[in-house]
Amino acid sequence: MRRAPAARPAHPSPAGPGTPAALDLAVDRGSPVPLYYQLARQLETAIEQGALGPGSRLGNEVDLAGRLGLSRPTVRQAIQSLVDKGLLVRRRGVGTQVVHSQVKRPLELSSLYDDLEAAGQRPSTRVVRNAVERASAEVAATLGIAEGTEVHHLERLRLAHDEPMAFLSNYVPLDLLDIRTERLESTGLYRMMRAVGITLHSARQS
């Protein structure tokens, strides 16, 4: 069976970097992979690799459909799949924009702060709570200390590109680490532990 050639624009419309028109997008009509998925995967790769940075606009669906020789519903389905993944957002009066690239957590013990920083996401932290309180029975059992022992209770909002990514709640034994709010807002908790020689071996996280 002869495979139809991939559809490519003969004359790409002029555009600056960070726009779909500046990318080498193509779909293969002879492939069993749905056309919308082919387009969505290429746009997702461009976002992950930084070719489409945060704030980049995808432009008009009609123009993109015409450029690739696709139907508008096919293009809309591709874009919607990335909206559902949190990579794109539709804004009234602005259009469809790149939000941020996804952070892929490695299968190893690492902090969200380090993962965001490694992904070029400009992490920042807002400390909501940094207090000393007595450990409840549940906290004490988890930390392997006596109930009522004083612990640090930390609550932090982790942001990337000034957008909330996670709410973190931690209990830390009081004598383990000097935890100051200004330090917590400039780095990650795991990094603070490593800086004083604490070696992390395992963790349960979700």
Protein backbone atom coordinates (compact mmCIF):
# COMPACT_ATOMS: atom_id res chain seq x y z
CA MET A 1 0.00 0.00 0.00
CA ARG A 2 1.31 3.40 -0.91
CA ARG A 3 1.33 5.91 1.92
CA ALA A 4 0.11 9.43 1.28
CA PRO A 5 2.74 12.09 1.92
CA ALA A 6 2.59 14.10 5.10
CA ALA A 7 0.68 17.35 4.79
CA ARG A 8 2.99 20.36 5.05
CA PRO A 9 2.39 24.02 4.31
CA ALA A 10 3.85 25.13 1.01
CA HIS A 11 4.33 28.69 2.24
CA PRO A 12 4.31 29.00 6.03
CA SER A 13 2.87 32.24 7.26
CA PRO A 14 5.47 34.59 8.73
CA ALA A 15 5.73 34.56 12.50
CA GLY A 16 8.24 35.09 15.23
CA PRO A 17 9.65 32.39 17.49
CA GLY A 18 7.31 30.93 20.05
CA THR A 19 4.29 30.71 17.72
CA PRO A 20 2.77 27.66 15.97
CA ALA A 21 3.41 29.20 12.53
CA ALA A 22 7.14 29.21 13.28
CA LEU A 23 7.11 25.47 14.05
CA ASP A 24 7.62 22.63 11.58
CA LEU A 25 4.21 21.02 12.13
CA ALA A 26 3.08 18.15 9.93
CA VAL A 27 0.47 15.39 9.90
CA ASP A 28 0.69 12.02 8.21
CA ARG A 29 -2.67 11.08 6.68
CA GLY A 30 -1.47 7.53 6.02
CA SER A 31 -0.77 6.89 9.70
CA PRO A 32 -3.28 4.98 11.87
CA VAL A 33 -2.69 7.61 14.59
CA PRO A 34 -5.62 10.08 14.66
CA LEU A 35 -4.82 13.43 13.08
CA TYR A 36 -5.87 15.41 16.14
CA TYR A 37 -3.50 13.33 18.31
CA GLN A 38 -0.60 13.87 15.89
CA LEU A 39 -1.10 17.62 16.08
CA ALA A 40 -1.62 17.63 19.86
CA ARG A 41 1.55 15.60 20.43
CA GLN A 42 3.65 17.96 18.30
CA LEU A 43 2.32 21.01 20.12
CA GLU A 44 2.89 19.31 23.50
CA THR A 45 6.49 18.52 22.54
CA ALA A 46 7.03 22.13 21.47
CA ILE A 47 5.74 23.31 24.86
CA GLU A 48 7.87 20.81 26.81
CA GLN A 49 11.01 21.78 24.87
CA GLY A 50 10.40 25.52 25.21
CA ALA A 51 9.71 26.22 21.53
CA LEU A 52 6.31 27.47 22.70
CA GLY A 53 6.99 29.33 25.92
CA PRO A 54 4.53 30.44 28.61
CA GLY A 55 2.25 33.16 27.23
CA SER A 56 2.68 32.12 23.58
CA ARG A 57 -0.56 32.39 21.62
CA LEU A 58 -1.74 29.57 19.39
CA GLY A 59 -3.59 31.92 17.08
CA ASN A 60 -6.72 31.26 15.10
CA GLU A 61 -8.01 27.69 14.78
CA VAL A 62 -9.15 28.41 11.24
CA ASP A 63 -5.68 29.56 10.18
CA LEU A 64 -3.99 26.54 11.77
CA ALA A 65 -6.53 24.19 10.17
CA GLY A 66 -5.99 25.78 6.76
CA ARG A 67 -2.23 25.63 7.08
CA LEU A 68 -2.24 21.90 7.82
CA GLY A 69 -5.16 20.98 5.60
CA LEU A 70 -7.21 19.80 8.58
CA SER A 71 -10.81 20.39 9.54
CA ARG A 72 -11.50 22.94 12.23
CA PRO A 73 -13.07 20.30 14.57
CA THR A 74 -9.85 18.26 14.32
CA VAL A 75 -7.73 21.26 15.33
CA ARG A 76 -10.20 22.14 18.09
CA GLN A 77 -10.00 18.58 19.46
CA ALA A 78 -6.19 18.72 19.51
CA ILE A 79 -6.19 22.04 21.33
CA GLN A 80 -8.87 20.93 23.79
CA SER A 81 -6.82 17.86 24.72
CA LEU A 82 -3.95 20.19 25.75
CA VAL A 83 -6.36 22.47 27.61
CA ASP A 84 -7.53 19.40 29.54
CA LYS A 85 -3.89 18.60 30.39
CA GLY A 86 -3.36 22.09 31.75
CA LEU A 87 -0.84 23.08 29.07
CA LEU A 88 -3.10 25.60 27.34
CA VAL A 89 -5.77 27.99 28.55
CA ARG A 90 -8.52 29.78 26.64
CA ARG A 91 -8.99 33.42 27.61
CA ARG A 92 -11.81 35.60 26.36
CA GLY A 93 -10.50 38.40 24.17
CA VAL A 94 -6.99 36.92 24.16
CA GLY A 95 -7.33 33.49 22.59
CA THR A 96 -5.53 30.26 23.43
CA GLN A 97 -2.22 30.62 25.28
CA VAL A 98 0.47 28.35 26.64
CA VAL A 99 0.27 28.18 30.42
CA HIS A 100 3.42 26.26 31.33
CA SER A 101 5.13 23.01 30.56
CA GLN A 102 4.24 20.01 32.66
CA VAL A 103 6.63 19.00 35.39
CA LYS A 104 7.50 15.32 35.06
CA ARG A 105 8.56 13.95 38.44
CA PRO A 106 11.47 11.48 38.18
CA LEU A 107 11.23 8.14 39.94
CA GLU A 108 13.66 9.17 42.64
CA LEU A 109 13.55 11.12 45.88
CA SER A 110 13.60 14.77 44.86
CA SER A 111 11.82 17.91 45.96
CA LEU A 112 9.13 19.65 43.94
CA TYR A 113 11.23 22.83 44.18
CA ASP A 114 14.22 21.11 42.54
CA ASP A 115 12.02 19.53 39.86
CA LEU A 116 10.41 22.87 39.00
CA GLU A 117 13.77 24.62 38.90
CA ALA A 118 15.26 21.90 36.67
CA ALA A 119 12.29 22.30 34.31
CA GLY A 120 12.92 26.06 34.05
CA GLN A 121 9.66 26.88 35.83
CA ARG A 122 10.96 29.69 38.12
CA PRO A 123 9.71 28.22 41.43
CA SER A 124 8.79 30.42 44.35
CA THR A 125 7.31 29.76 47.79
CA ARG A 126 4.85 31.51 50.07
CA VAL A 127 5.04 30.33 53.66
CA VAL A 128 1.50 30.18 55.04
CA ARG A 129 2.44 28.71 58.42
CA ASN A 130 5.68 28.17 60.31
CA ALA A 131 4.82 27.30 63.86
CA VAL A 132 5.96 25.10 66.72
CA GLU A 133 3.23 22.85 68.08
CA ARG A 134 2.84 19.55 69.91
CA ALA A 135 2.64 16.45 67.77
CA SER A 136 -0.72 14.71 67.58
CA ALA A 137 -0.91 10.94 67.93
CA GLU A 138 -0.95 10.54 64.12
CA VAL A 139 2.02 12.87 63.55
CA ALA A 140 3.98 11.29 66.41
CA ALA A 141 3.43 7.80 65.04
CA THR A 142 4.58 8.88 61.57
CA LEU A 143 7.74 10.57 62.86
CA GLY A 144 8.52 7.90 65.44
CA ILE A 145 8.44 10.32 68.39
CA ALA A 146 6.39 10.58 71.57
CA GLU A 147 2.96 12.16 71.35
CA GLY A 148 3.08 15.78 72.54
CA THR A 149 6.68 16.30 71.42
CA GLU A 150 7.21 19.75 69.92
CA VAL A 151 7.56 19.81 66.12
CA HIS A 152 7.72 22.38 63.36
CA HIS A 153 4.46 22.57 61.40
CA LEU A 154 5.03 24.05 57.96
CA GLU A 155 2.44 24.98 55.35
CA ARG A 156 3.67 26.37 52.04
CA LEU A 157 2.23 27.33 48.70
CA ARG A 158 4.57 26.39 45.85
CA LEU A 159 4.29 28.47 42.70
CA ALA A 160 5.77 28.28 39.20
CA HIS A 161 5.72 31.39 37.00
CA ASP A 162 3.67 32.96 39.84
CA GLU A 163 0.89 30.35 39.43
CA PRO A 164 0.02 27.98 42.34
CA MET A 165 1.23 24.42 41.73
CA ALA A 166 0.98 22.68 45.09
CA PHE A 167 0.06 23.15 48.74
CA LEU A 168 2.64 21.52 51.02
CA SER A 169 2.14 20.54 54.66
CA ASN A 170 5.11 19.21 56.64
CA TYR A 171 5.88 18.22 60.22
CA VAL A 172 9.55 18.27 61.16
CA PRO A 173 11.13 17.28 64.52
CA LEU A 174 12.16 20.43 66.37
CA ASP A 175 15.80 19.42 66.89
CA LEU A 176 16.35 18.30 63.31
CA LEU A 177 16.69 21.62 61.52
CA ASP A 178 16.72 25.38 62.02
CA ILE A 179 13.73 26.35 59.89
CA ARG A 180 13.33 30.06 59.21
CA THR A 181 10.56 31.51 57.07
CA GLU A 182 12.86 33.63 54.92
CA ARG A 183 14.99 30.58 54.14
CA LEU A 184 11.94 28.49 53.26
CA GLU A 185 10.82 31.16 50.80
CA SER A 186 14.11 31.05 48.92
CA THR A 187 14.76 27.31 48.60
CA GLY A 188 13.30 23.85 49.11
CA LEU A 189 13.03 21.92 52.37
CA TYR A 190 14.99 18.94 51.00
CA ARG A 191 17.78 21.27 49.94
CA MET A 192 17.89 22.79 53.44
CA MET A 193 18.22 19.30 54.93
CA ARG A 194 21.02 18.30 52.57
CA ALA A 195 22.88 21.52 53.36
CA VAL A 196 23.26 20.43 57.00
CA GLY A 197 24.26 16.89 56.15
CA ILE A 198 20.91 15.12 56.43
CA THR A 199 20.78 12.28 53.90
CA LEU A 200 17.34 11.35 52.61
CA HIS A 201 16.84 7.68 51.83
CA SER A 202 13.13 7.15 51.18
CA ALA A 203 9.78 8.91 51.23
CA ARG A 204 6.09 8.40 50.58
CA GLN A 205 4.60 11.21 48.51
CA SER A 206 1.54 11.79 46.38
